[in-house]
């Protein structure tokens, strides 16, 4: 029943009845699922179900079909672990990760430190460096291959070399390793801005009093970076390294779209995802069982590396939460 109250003028105001707490909670739950439900359904249908189906396919001889009947157990896994081409692709992943992770980490941290110290147009610099992150890897790879490093006289890179008196370079062919420079610069241009933003967020969490106290004690330059900035960025740094490792594991678009024009892949230039793509979808056999087994192996490798990294740096422990 609605409650009534009287005012000094004699008018009567009717208060709306108070709704039960259970009704309010049901309405909140309903609106929660209205907004989150479509996303959760899409995540289930397009992410988790394909992952589970891929695990299922990895135990079958699935050639040109997604509904296999011939069970092979661990046969696909054993075949891949004994396949020199797959082992070589894993070596490419490790070499690529060992180089691109520290280089991207250092460049992102350096940019974050510079932008964080900027007193003018800081928002402009953040946007300018972050903007390449929105670019498609396929489009960027095509620009790098057809315009910047195409190996012709009119390519941007060779035009710059000739301007300083150097000869043209066949960047993507000719039996040399210049293609690594092309791949690394492409990856840096696409990713540095994103990790710069992560480091900026970590830098802005460091209290300014810490730097002021260090300045009073006479600490400047490298000493401040070594003993204050880097320790305060430990959690951010571990997260960035883990994301970089996962991103290196997912390297596909730049390798496939950049090197496809050279009539094959140069030595140590075919990462695991390119190799598995050619087995599962690119070749005539379309062996989905082998492709699924390869993705499970790569996932386990990344999980193991991530767990070891978190153990080494003790992220998530009591001292880290404090």
C-alpha atoms as a PDB file:
ATOM      1  CA  UNK A   1       0.000   0.000   0.000  1.00  0.00           C
ATOM      2  CA  UNK A   2       1.268   3.459  -0.870  1.00  0.00           C
ATOM      3  CA  UNK A   3       2.245   5.693   2.047  1.00  0.00           C
ATOM      4  CA  UNK A   4       0.830   9.232   2.435  1.00  0.00           C
ATOM      5  CA  UNK A   5       2.375  12.317   4.015  1.00  0.00           C
ATOM      6  CA  UNK A   6       0.847  15.701   4.749  1.00  0.00           C
ATOM      7  CA  UNK A   7       2.502  19.069   4.149  1.00  0.00           C
ATOM      8  CA  UNK A   8       2.091  22.443   5.882  1.00  0.00           C
ATOM      9  CA  UNK A   9      -0.407  23.578   3.207  1.00  0.00           C
ATOM     10  CA  UNK A  10      -2.657  20.610   3.853  1.00  0.00           C
ATOM     11  CA  UNK A  11      -1.883  18.869   0.569  1.00  0.00           C
ATOM     12  CA  UNK A  12      -1.406  15.118   0.616  1.00  0.00           C
ATOM     13  CA  UNK A  13       1.532  13.576  -1.235  1.00  0.00           C
ATOM     14  CA  UNK A  14       1.416   9.924  -2.136  1.00  0.00           C
ATOM     15  CA  UNK A  15       4.724   8.030  -1.977  1.00  0.00           C
ATOM     16  CA  UNK A  16       5.250   5.214  -4.465  1.00  0.00           C
ATOM     17  CA  UNK A  17       5.339   1.802  -2.871  1.00  0.00           C
ATOM     18  CA  UNK A  18       8.767   0.392  -2.137  1.00  0.00           C
ATOM     19  CA  UNK A  19       9.619  -2.512  -4.406  1.00  0.00           C
ATOM     20  CA  UNK A  20      10.964  -5.672  -2.825  1.00  0.00           C
ATOM     21  CA  UNK A  21      14.719  -6.198  -2.997  1.00  0.00           C
ATOM     22  CA  UNK A  22      14.218  -9.476  -4.852  1.00  0.00           C
ATOM     23  CA  UNK A  23      12.343  -7.682  -7.647  1.00  0.00           C
ATOM     24  CA  UNK A  24      15.115  -5.102  -8.015  1.00  0.00           C
ATOM     25  CA  UNK A  25      17.737  -7.848  -8.158  1.00  0.00           C
ATOM     26  CA  UNK A  26      15.787  -9.746 -10.821  1.00  0.00           C
ATOM     27  CA  UNK A  27      15.561  -6.603 -12.952  1.00  0.00           C
ATOM     28  CA  UNK A  28      19.292  -6.032 -12.612  1.00  0.00           C
ATOM     29  CA  UNK A  29      20.007  -9.611 -13.625  1.00  0.00           C
ATOM     30  CA  UNK A  30      17.668  -9.325 -16.576  1.00  0.00           C
ATOM     31  CA  UNK A  31      19.320  -6.137 -17.895  1.00  0.00           C
ATOM     32  CA  UNK A  32      22.748  -7.627 -17.264  1.00  0.00           C
ATOM     33  CA  UNK A  33      21.990 -10.555 -19.574  1.00  0.00           C
ATOM     34  CA  UNK A  34      20.315  -8.271 -22.113  1.00  0.00           C
ATOM     35  CA  UNK A  35      23.600  -6.419 -22.593  1.00  0.00           C
ATOM     36  CA  UNK A  36      26.115  -9.204 -21.890  1.00  0.00           C
ATOM     37  CA  UNK A  37      24.148 -12.133 -23.340  1.00  0.00           C
ATOM     38  CA  UNK A  38      24.873 -11.473 -27.047  1.00  0.00           C
ATOM     39  CA  UNK A  39      28.585 -11.067 -26.350  1.00  0.00           C
ATOM     40  CA  UNK A  40      28.687 -14.217 -24.207  1.00  0.00           C
ATOM     41  CA  UNK A  41      26.801 -16.184 -26.879  1.00  0.00           C
ATOM     42  CA  UNK A  42      29.176 -14.995 -29.602  1.00  0.00           C
ATOM     43  CA  UNK A  43      32.171 -15.871 -27.424  1.00  0.00           C
ATOM     44  CA  UNK A  44      30.785 -19.349 -26.847  1.00  0.00           C
ATOM     45  CA  UNK A  45      29.865 -20.037 -30.481  1.00  0.00           C
ATOM     46  CA  UNK A  46      32.836 -18.463 -32.236  1.00  0.00           C
ATOM     47  CA  UNK A  47      35.663 -19.016 -29.700  1.00  0.00           C
ATOM     48  CA  UNK A  48      35.132 -21.753 -27.130  1.00  0.00           C
ATOM     49  CA  UNK A  49      33.229 -24.268 -29.238  1.00  0.00           C
ATOM     50  CA  UNK A  50      35.824 -24.092 -32.064  1.00  0.00           C
ATOM     51  CA  UNK A  51      38.584 -24.594 -29.496  1.00  0.00           C
ATOM     52  CA  UNK A  52      36.867 -27.687 -28.082  1.00  0.00           C
ATOM     53  CA  UNK A  53      36.186 -28.993 -31.589  1.00  0.00           C
ATOM     54  CA  UNK A  54      39.836 -28.416 -32.512  1.00  0.00           C
ATOM     55  CA  UNK A  55      40.917 -30.505 -29.524  1.00  0.00           C
ATOM     56  CA  UNK A  56      38.510 -33.219 -30.676  1.00  0.00           C
ATOM     57  CA  UNK A  57      39.816 -33.132 -34.268  1.00  0.00           C
ATOM     58  CA  UNK A  58      43.422 -33.425 -33.107  1.00  0.00           C
ATOM     59  CA  UNK A  59      42.800 -37.068 -32.135  1.00  0.00           C
ATOM     60  CA  UNK A  60      41.373 -38.051 -35.537  1.00  0.00           C
ATOM     61  CA  UNK A  61      42.522 -38.425 -39.109  1.00  0.00           C
ATOM     62  CA  UNK A  62      40.528 -35.451 -40.395  1.00  0.00           C
ATOM     63  CA  UNK A  63      41.320 -34.948 -44.074  1.00  0.00           C
ATOM     64  CA  UNK A  64      38.935 -32.693 -45.980  1.00  0.00           C
ATOM     65  CA  UNK A  65      36.286 -33.119 -43.290  1.00  0.00           C
ATOM     66  CA  UNK A  66      35.292 -31.696 -39.910  1.00  0.00           C
ATOM     67  CA  UNK A  67      33.391 -34.857 -38.912  1.00  0.00           C
ATOM     68  CA  UNK A  68      36.083 -37.568 -38.916  1.00  0.00           C
ATOM     69  CA  UNK A  69      35.564 -41.187 -37.933  1.00  0.00           C
ATOM     70  CA  UNK A  70      39.104 -42.641 -37.885  1.00  0.00           C
ATOM     71  CA  UNK A  71      40.559 -42.281 -34.389  1.00  0.00           C
ATOM     72  CA  UNK A  72      44.378 -42.022 -34.310  1.00  0.00           C
ATOM     73  CA  UNK A  73      44.941 -41.006 -30.685  1.00  0.00           C
ATOM     74  CA  UNK A  74      48.231 -39.187 -30.248  1.00  0.00           C
ATOM     75  CA  UNK A  75      49.349 -40.028 -33.769  1.00  0.00           C
ATOM     76  CA  UNK A  76      49.003 -36.465 -35.045  1.00  0.00           C
ATOM     77  CA  UNK A  77      51.023 -35.108 -32.140  1.00  0.00           C
ATOM     78  CA  UNK A  78      53.802 -37.659 -32.603  1.00  0.00           C
ATOM     79  CA  UNK A  79      53.929 -36.980 -36.339  1.00  0.00           C
ATOM     80  CA  UNK A  80      54.350 -33.232 -35.796  1.00  0.00           C
ATOM     81  CA  UNK A  81      56.992 -33.625 -33.120  1.00  0.00           C
ATOM     82  CA  UNK A  82      58.997 -35.797 -35.555  1.00  0.00           C
ATOM     83  CA  UNK A  83      58.378 -33.559 -38.576  1.00  0.00           C
ATOM     84  CA  UNK A  84      61.533 -31.508 -39.374  1.00  0.00           C
ATOM     85  CA  UNK A  85      59.419 -28.779 -40.996  1.00  0.00           C
ATOM     86  CA  UNK A  86      57.313 -28.298 -37.869  1.00  0.00           C
ATOM     87  CA  UNK A  87      60.367 -28.354 -35.597  1.00  0.00           C
ATOM     88  CA  UNK A  88      61.999 -25.762 -37.861  1.00  0.00           C
ATOM     89  CA  UNK A  89      58.889 -23.567 -37.661  1.00  0.00           C
ATOM     90  CA  UNK A  90      59.045 -23.787 -33.861  1.00  0.00           C
ATOM     91  CA  UNK A  91      62.656 -22.646 -34.084  1.00  0.00           C
ATOM     92  CA  UNK A  92      61.510 -19.687 -36.183  1.00  0.00           C
ATOM     93  CA  UNK A  93      58.985 -18.805 -33.491  1.00  0.00           C
ATOM     94  CA  UNK A  94      61.622 -18.960 -30.750  1.00  0.00           C
ATOM     95  CA  UNK A  95      64.138 -16.870 -32.715  1.00  0.00           C
ATOM     96  CA  UNK A  96      61.499 -14.329 -33.686  1.00  0.00           C
ATOM     97  CA  UNK A  97      60.219 -14.089 -30.109  1.00  0.00           C
ATOM     98  CA  UNK A  98      63.740 -13.842 -28.639  1.00  0.00           C
ATOM     99  CA  UNK A  99      64.411 -10.825 -30.866  1.00  0.00           C
ATOM    100  CA  UNK A 100      61.099  -9.022 -31.260  1.00  0.00           C
ATOM    101  CA  UNK A 101      60.050  -9.198 -27.584  1.00  0.00           C
ATOM    102  CA  UNK A 102      63.012  -7.285 -26.076  1.00  0.00           C
ATOM    103  CA  UNK A 103      63.186  -4.836 -28.998  1.00  0.00           C
ATOM    104  CA  UNK A 104      59.471  -3.979 -28.765  1.00  0.00           C
ATOM    105  CA  UNK A 105      59.699  -3.824 -24.976  1.00  0.00           C
ATOM    106  CA  UNK A 106      62.615  -1.380 -25.056  1.00  0.00           C
ATOM    107  CA  UNK A 107      61.106   0.827 -27.777  1.00  0.00           C
ATOM    108  CA  UNK A 108      57.704   0.949 -26.054  1.00  0.00           C
ATOM    109  CA  UNK A 109      59.239   1.823 -22.692  1.00  0.00           C
ATOM    110  CA  UNK A 110      61.461   4.501 -24.242  1.00  0.00           C
ATOM    111  CA  UNK A 111      58.497   6.102 -26.019  1.00  0.00           C
ATOM    112  CA  UNK A 112      56.410   5.974 -22.840  1.00  0.00           C
ATOM    113  CA  UNK A 113      59.161   7.710 -20.855  1.00  0.00           C
ATOM    114  CA  UNK A 114      59.525  10.413 -23.509  1.00  0.00           C
ATOM    115  CA  UNK A 115      55.796  11.022 -23.882  1.00  0.00           C
ATOM    116  CA  UNK A 116      55.293  10.998 -20.112  1.00  0.00           C
ATOM    117  CA  UNK A 117      57.863  13.783 -19.746  1.00  0.00           C
ATOM    118  CA  UNK A 118      56.355  15.885 -22.537  1.00  0.00           C
ATOM    119  CA  UNK A 119      54.909  19.145 -21.302  1.00  0.00           C
ATOM    120  CA  UNK A 120      53.346  20.199 -24.597  1.00  0.00           C
ATOM    121  CA  UNK A 121      50.986  18.232 -26.892  1.00  0.00           C
ATOM    122  CA  UNK A 122      51.175  15.051 -24.807  1.00  0.00           C
ATOM    123  CA  UNK A 123      47.758  13.925 -26.014  1.00  0.00           C
ATOM    124  CA  UNK A 124      48.858  14.433 -29.625  1.00  0.00           C
ATOM    125  CA  UNK A 125      51.955  12.269 -29.224  1.00  0.00           C
ATOM    126  CA  UNK A 126      49.987   9.522 -27.490  1.00  0.00           C
ATOM    127  CA  UNK A 127      47.443   9.479 -30.305  1.00  0.00           C
ATOM    128  CA  UNK A 128      50.084   9.657 -33.037  1.00  0.00           C
ATOM    129  CA  UNK A 129      52.054   6.697 -31.716  1.00  0.00           C
ATOM    130  CA  UNK A 130      48.934   4.680 -30.894  1.00  0.00           C
ATOM    131  CA  UNK A 131      47.244   5.230 -34.268  1.00  0.00           C
ATOM    132  CA  UNK A 132      49.134   2.454 -36.179  1.00  0.00           C
ATOM    133  CA  UNK A 133      47.623  -0.078 -33.761  1.00  0.00           C
ATOM    134  CA  UNK A 134      44.291   0.392 -35.539  1.00  0.00           C
ATOM    135  CA  UNK A 135      45.800  -0.525 -38.910  1.00  0.00           C
ATOM    136  CA  UNK A 136      45.175  -3.976 -40.355  1.00  0.00           C
ATOM    137  CA  UNK A 137      48.188  -6.287 -40.392  1.00  0.00           C
ATOM    138  CA  UNK A 138      47.295  -7.376 -43.916  1.00  0.00           C
ATOM    139  CA  UNK A 139      47.152  -3.820 -45.257  1.00  0.00           C
ATOM    140  CA  UNK A 140      50.374  -2.858 -43.475  1.00  0.00           C
ATOM    141  CA  UNK A 141      52.131  -5.947 -44.844  1.00  0.00           C
ATOM    142  CA  UNK A 142      51.011  -5.090 -48.388  1.00  0.00           C
ATOM    143  CA  UNK A 143      52.291  -1.512 -48.020  1.00  0.00           C
ATOM    144  CA  UNK A 144      55.631  -2.737 -46.691  1.00  0.00           C
ATOM    145  CA  UNK A 145      55.937  -5.300 -49.499  1.00  0.00           C
ATOM    146  CA  UNK A 146      54.721  -3.234 -52.458  1.00  0.00           C
ATOM    147  CA  UNK A 147      55.834   0.276 -51.551  1.00  0.00           C
ATOM    148  CA  UNK A 148      58.561   0.482 -48.923  1.00  0.00           C
ATOM    149  CA  UNK A 149      60.645  -2.689 -49.401  1.00  0.00           C
ATOM    150  CA  UNK A 150      59.689  -3.978 -52.844  1.00  0.00           C
ATOM    151  CA  UNK A 151      63.325  -4.295 -53.985  1.00  0.00           C
ATOM    152  CA  UNK A 152      62.792  -2.124 -57.065  1.00  0.00           C
ATOM    153  CA  UNK A 153      64.589   1.142 -57.778  1.00  0.00           C
ATOM    154  CA  UNK A 154      61.499   3.202 -57.036  1.00  0.00           C
ATOM    155  CA  UNK A 155      60.854   1.609 -53.644  1.00  0.00           C
ATOM    156  CA  UNK A 156      61.094   3.980 -50.693  1.00  0.00           C
ATOM    157  CA  UNK A 157      63.875   2.069 -48.927  1.00  0.00           C
ATOM    158  CA  UNK A 158      66.045   1.768 -52.045  1.00  0.00           C
ATOM    159  CA  UNK A 159      65.413   5.414 -52.935  1.00  0.00           C
ATOM    160  CA  UNK A 160      66.787   6.401 -49.539  1.00  0.00           C
ATOM    161  CA  UNK A 161      69.799   4.110 -50.003  1.00  0.00           C
ATOM    162  CA  UNK A 162      70.601   5.624 -53.405  1.00  0.00           C
ATOM    163  CA  UNK A 163      70.324   9.117 -51.956  1.00  0.00           C
ATOM    164  CA  UNK A 164      73.305   8.338 -49.702  1.00  0.00           C
ATOM    165  CA  UNK A 165      75.287   6.559 -52.422  1.00  0.00           C
ATOM    166  CA  UNK A 166      74.442   2.926 -51.577  1.00  0.00           C
ATOM    167  CA  UNK A 167      73.236   0.181 -53.909  1.00  0.00           C
ATOM    168  CA  UNK A 168      69.728  -1.222 -54.133  1.00  0.00           C
ATOM    169  CA  UNK A 169      68.820  -4.151 -51.887  1.00  0.00           C
ATOM    170  CA  UNK A 170      66.588  -7.073 -52.769  1.00  0.00           C
ATOM    171  CA  UNK A 171      64.759  -6.979 -49.432  1.00  0.00           C
ATOM    172  CA  UNK A 172      62.497 -10.005 -49.826  1.00  0.00           C
ATOM    173  CA  UNK A 173      64.529 -12.332 -52.015  1.00  0.00           C
ATOM    174  CA  UNK A 174      67.961 -13.075 -53.347  1.00  0.00           C
ATOM    175  CA  UNK A 175      68.910 -15.612 -50.679  1.00  0.00           C
ATOM    176  CA  UNK A 176      69.731 -12.990 -48.025  1.00  0.00           C
ATOM    177  CA  UNK A 177      68.245 -12.248 -44.634  1.00  0.00           C
ATOM    178  CA  UNK A 178      67.102  -8.672 -45.203  1.00  0.00           C
ATOM    179  CA  UNK A 179      63.500  -9.866 -44.967  1.00  0.00           C
ATOM    180  CA  UNK A 180      63.955 -10.015 -41.178  1.00  0.00           C
ATOM    181  CA  UNK A 181      64.504  -6.252 -41.187  1.00  0.00           C
ATOM    182  CA  UNK A 182      61.253  -5.839 -43.123  1.00  0.00           C
ATOM    183  CA  UNK A 183      59.297  -8.058 -40.715  1.00  0.00           C
ATOM    184  CA  UNK A 184      60.727  -6.462 -37.582  1.00  0.00           C
ATOM    185  CA  UNK A 185      60.098  -2.881 -38.692  1.00  0.00           C
ATOM    186  CA  UNK A 186      56.558  -3.808 -39.702  1.00  0.00           C
ATOM    187  CA  UNK A 187      55.856  -5.442 -36.338  1.00  0.00           C
ATOM    188  CA  UNK A 188      57.378  -2.513 -34.438  1.00  0.00           C
ATOM    189  CA  UNK A 189      55.329   0.072 -36.329  1.00  0.00           C
ATOM    190  CA  UNK A 190      52.126  -1.843 -35.606  1.00  0.00           C
ATOM    191  CA  UNK A 191      52.685  -2.689 -31.947  1.00  0.00           C
ATOM    192  CA  UNK A 192      54.911  -0.148 -30.222  1.00  0.00           C
ATOM    193  CA  UNK A 193      52.088   2.350 -29.700  1.00  0.00           C
ATOM    194  CA  UNK A 194      49.844  -0.139 -27.909  1.00  0.00           C
ATOM    195  CA  UNK A 195      52.482  -1.193 -25.380  1.00  0.00           C
ATOM    196  CA  UNK A 196      53.520   2.438 -24.968  1.00  0.00           C
ATOM    197  CA  UNK A 197      50.007   3.145 -23.655  1.00  0.00           C
ATOM    198  CA  UNK A 198      50.334   0.280 -21.158  1.00  0.00           C
ATOM    199  CA  UNK A 199      53.633   1.659 -19.893  1.00  0.00           C
ATOM    200  CA  UNK A 200      52.168   5.160 -19.704  1.00  0.00           C
ATOM    201  CA  UNK A 201      49.385   3.847 -17.485  1.00  0.00           C
ATOM    202  CA  UNK A 202      51.981   2.247 -15.220  1.00  0.00           C
ATOM    203  CA  UNK A 203      54.133   5.396 -15.109  1.00  0.00           C
ATOM    204  CA  UNK A 204      51.206   7.553 -14.114  1.00  0.00           C
ATOM    205  CA  UNK A 205      50.571   5.295 -11.113  1.00  0.00           C
ATOM    206  CA  UNK A 206      54.021   6.032  -9.655  1.00  0.00           C
ATOM    207  CA  UNK A 207      53.705   8.728  -6.949  1.00  0.00           C
ATOM    208  CA  UNK A 208      55.511  11.944  -7.786  1.00  0.00           C
ATOM    209  CA  UNK A 209      56.707  12.138  -4.172  1.00  0.00           C
ATOM    210  CA  UNK A 210      59.012   9.197  -4.916  1.00  0.00           C
ATOM    211  CA  UNK A 211      60.793  11.108  -7.668  1.00  0.00           C
ATOM    212  CA  UNK A 212      60.955  14.260  -5.555  1.00  0.00           C
ATOM    213  CA  UNK A 213      62.568  12.347  -2.707  1.00  0.00           C
ATOM    214  CA  UNK A 214      65.062  10.805  -5.127  1.00  0.00           C
ATOM    215  CA  UNK A 215      65.917  14.233  -6.532  1.00  0.00           C
ATOM    216  CA  UNK A 216      66.585  15.536  -3.018  1.00  0.00           C
ATOM    217  CA  UNK A 217      68.979  12.619  -2.479  1.00  0.00           C
ATOM    218  CA  UNK A 218      70.762  13.495  -5.710  1.00  0.00           C
ATOM    219  CA  UNK A 219      69.510  10.576  -7.838  1.00  0.00           C
ATOM    220  CA  UNK A 220      69.096  11.416 -11.528  1.00  0.00           C
ATOM    221  CA  UNK A 221      69.020   9.774 -14.924  1.00  0.00           C
ATOM    222  CA  UNK A 222      69.863   6.093 -15.035  1.00  0.00           C
ATOM    223  CA  UNK A 223      69.796   5.702 -11.232  1.00  0.00           C
ATOM    224  CA  UNK A 224      66.176   6.892 -11.088  1.00  0.00           C
ATOM    225  CA  UNK A 225      65.228   4.556 -13.922  1.00  0.00           C
ATOM    226  CA  UNK A 226      67.069   1.592 -12.385  1.00  0.00           C
ATOM    227  CA  UNK A 227      65.986   1.924  -8.758  1.00  0.00           C
ATOM    228  CA  UNK A 228      62.581   3.649  -8.962  1.00  0.00           C
ATOM    229  CA  UNK A 229      60.895   3.470 -12.349  1.00  0.00           C
ATOM    230  CA  UNK A 230      61.635  -0.123 -13.340  1.00  0.00           C
ATOM    231  CA  UNK A 231      60.782  -1.665  -9.929  1.00  0.00           C
ATOM    232  CA  UNK A 232      57.516   0.271  -9.858  1.00  0.00           C
ATOM    233  CA  UNK A 233      56.730  -1.008 -13.366  1.00  0.00           C
ATOM    234  CA  UNK A 234      57.373  -4.665 -12.543  1.00  0.00           C
ATOM    235  CA  UNK A 235      53.761  -5.833 -12.852  1.00  0.00           C
ATOM    236  CA  UNK A 236      53.245  -3.823 -16.036  1.00  0.00           C
ATOM    237  CA  UNK A 237      56.502  -5.120 -17.496  1.00  0.00           C
ATOM    238  CA  UNK A 238      55.601  -8.758 -16.843  1.00  0.00           C
ATOM    239  CA  UNK A 239      52.182  -8.255 -18.442  1.00  0.00           C
ATOM    240  CA  UNK A 240      53.771  -6.583 -21.484  1.00  0.00           C
ATOM    241  CA  UNK A 241      56.315  -9.379 -21.923  1.00  0.00           C
ATOM    242  CA  UNK A 242      53.579 -12.009 -21.683  1.00  0.00           C
ATOM    243  CA  UNK A 243      51.433 -10.193 -24.254  1.00  0.00           C
ATOM    244  CA  UNK A 244      54.437  -9.846 -26.552  1.00  0.00           C
ATOM    245  CA  UNK A 245      55.151 -13.574 -26.324  1.00  0.00           C
ATOM    246  CA  UNK A 246      51.551 -14.409 -27.180  1.00  0.00           C
ATOM    247  CA  UNK A 247      51.630 -11.936 -30.060  1.00  0.00           C
ATOM    248  CA  UNK A 248      54.861 -13.469 -31.388  1.00  0.00           C
ATOM    249  CA  UNK A 249      53.226 -16.892 -31.210  1.00  0.00           C
ATOM    250  CA  UNK A 250      50.318 -15.526 -33.281  1.00  0.00           C
ATOM    251  CA  UNK A 251      52.594 -14.135 -36.011  1.00  0.00           C
ATOM    252  CA  UNK A 252      50.952 -14.972 -39.317  1.00  0.00           C
ATOM    253  CA  UNK A 253      49.710 -12.014 -41.358  1.00  0.00           C
ATOM    254  CA  UNK A 254      53.044 -10.234 -41.757  1.00  0.00           C
ATOM    255  CA  UNK A 255      54.915 -13.429 -42.680  1.00  0.00           C
ATOM    256  CA  UNK A 256      52.265 -14.736 -45.046  1.00  0.00           C
ATOM    257  CA  UNK A 257      51.423 -11.484 -46.840  1.00  0.00           C
ATOM    258  CA  UNK A 258      54.988 -10.172 -47.004  1.00  0.00           C
ATOM    259  CA  UNK A 259      56.886 -13.276 -48.120  1.00  0.00           C
ATOM    260  CA  UNK A 260      54.240 -14.872 -50.327  1.00  0.00           C
ATOM    261  CA  UNK A 261      55.566 -12.884 -53.302  1.00  0.00           C
ATOM    262  CA  UNK A 262      59.023 -14.488 -53.282  1.00  0.00           C
ATOM    263  CA  UNK A 263      57.723 -17.862 -54.479  1.00  0.00           C
ATOM    264  CA  UNK A 264      58.123 -19.629 -51.151  1.00  0.00           C
ATOM    265  CA  UNK A 265      59.533 -18.930 -47.748  1.00  0.00           C
ATOM    266  CA  UNK A 266      63.219 -18.237 -47.165  1.00  0.00           C
ATOM    267  CA  UNK A 267      65.096 -20.290 -44.549  1.00  0.00           C
ATOM    268  CA  UNK A 268      63.800 -19.772 -41.001  1.00  0.00           C
ATOM    269  CA  UNK A 269      60.975 -17.561 -42.254  1.00  0.00           C
ATOM    270  CA  UNK A 270      57.961 -19.843 -41.808  1.00  0.00           C
ATOM    271  CA  UNK A 271      56.470 -19.549 -38.313  1.00  0.00           C
ATOM    272  CA  UNK A 272      54.248 -22.319 -36.892  1.00  0.00           C
ATOM    273  CA  UNK A 273      50.908 -20.741 -37.804  1.00  0.00           C
ATOM    274  CA  UNK A 274      51.942 -20.351 -41.446  1.00  0.00           C
ATOM    275  CA  UNK A 275      53.099 -23.969 -41.517  1.00  0.00           C
ATOM    276  CA  UNK A 276      49.857 -25.195 -39.940  1.00  0.00           C
ATOM    277  CA  UNK A 277      47.768 -23.028 -42.262  1.00  0.00           C
ATOM    278  CA  UNK A 278      49.438 -24.574 -45.291  1.00  0.00           C
ATOM    279  CA  UNK A 279      48.780 -28.072 -43.894  1.00  0.00           C
ATOM    280  CA  UNK A 280      45.187 -27.554 -42.775  1.00  0.00           C
ATOM    281  CA  UNK A 281      43.841 -25.102 -45.360  1.00  0.00           C
ATOM    282  CA  UNK A 282      46.435 -24.249 -47.974  1.00  0.00           C
ATOM    283  CA  UNK A 283      47.392 -27.639 -49.362  1.00  0.00           C
ATOM    284  CA  UNK A 284      45.468 -30.246 -51.283  1.00  0.00           C
ATOM    285  CA  UNK A 285      45.146 -32.683 -48.363  1.00  0.00           C
ATOM    286  CA  UNK A 286      43.614 -30.173 -45.929  1.00  0.00           C
ATOM    287  CA  UNK A 287      44.602 -32.243 -42.928  1.00  0.00           C
ATOM    288  CA  UNK A 288      42.575 -30.586 -40.185  1.00  0.00           C
ATOM    289  CA  UNK A 289      43.670 -33.187 -37.662  1.00  0.00           C
ATOM    290  CA  UNK A 290      47.341 -32.273 -37.980  1.00  0.00           C
ATOM    291  CA  UNK A 291      46.518 -28.571 -37.979  1.00  0.00           C
ATOM    292  CA  UNK A 292      44.464 -28.909 -34.800  1.00  0.00           C
ATOM    293  CA  UNK A 293      47.184 -30.923 -33.080  1.00  0.00           C
ATOM    294  CA  UNK A 294      49.742 -28.255 -33.995  1.00  0.00           C
ATOM    295  CA  UNK A 295      47.656 -25.476 -32.482  1.00  0.00           C
ATOM    296  CA  UNK A 296      47.282 -27.450 -29.242  1.00  0.00           C
ATOM    297  CA  UNK A 297      51.060 -27.961 -29.078  1.00  0.00           C
ATOM    298  CA  UNK A 298      51.687 -24.247 -29.618  1.00  0.00           C
ATOM    299  CA  UNK A 299      49.104 -23.327 -26.987  1.00  0.00           C
ATOM    300  CA  UNK A 300      50.782 -25.610 -24.451  1.00  0.00           C
ATOM    301  CA  UNK A 301      54.173 -24.060 -25.256  1.00  0.00           C
ATOM    302  CA  UNK A 302      52.843 -20.532 -24.674  1.00  0.00           C
ATOM    303  CA  UNK A 303      51.091 -21.581 -21.454  1.00  0.00           C
ATOM    304  CA  UNK A 304      54.264 -23.173 -20.102  1.00  0.00           C
ATOM    305  CA  UNK A 305      56.337 -20.097 -20.996  1.00  0.00           C
ATOM    306  CA  UNK A 306      53.762 -17.822 -19.372  1.00  0.00           C
ATOM    307  CA  UNK A 307      53.589 -19.855 -16.161  1.00  0.00           C
ATOM    308  CA  UNK A 308      57.393 -20.003 -15.893  1.00  0.00           C
ATOM    309  CA  UNK A 309      57.600 -16.270 -16.434  1.00  0.00           C
ATOM    310  CA  UNK A 310      55.010 -15.544 -13.747  1.00  0.00           C
ATOM    311  CA  UNK A 311      56.811 -17.900 -11.353  1.00  0.00           C
ATOM    312  CA  UNK A 312      60.155 -16.236 -11.985  1.00  0.00           C
ATOM    313  CA  UNK A 313      58.815 -12.755 -11.314  1.00  0.00           C
ATOM    314  CA  UNK A 314      56.415 -13.921  -8.555  1.00  0.00           C
ATOM    315  CA  UNK A 315      53.547 -11.900 -10.010  1.00  0.00           C
ATOM    316  CA  UNK A 316      50.304 -12.318  -8.104  1.00  0.00           C
ATOM    317  CA  UNK A 317      52.020 -13.262  -4.866  1.00  0.00           C
ATOM    318  CA  UNK A 318      51.549 -11.628  -1.501  1.00  0.00           C
ATOM    319  CA  UNK A 319      54.395  -9.188  -1.974  1.00  0.00           C
ATOM    320  CA  UNK A 320      53.060  -8.187  -5.403  1.00  0.00           C
ATOM    321  CA  UNK A 321      49.577  -7.460  -4.113  1.00  0.00           C
ATOM    322  CA  UNK A 322      50.979  -5.399  -1.310  1.00  0.00           C
END
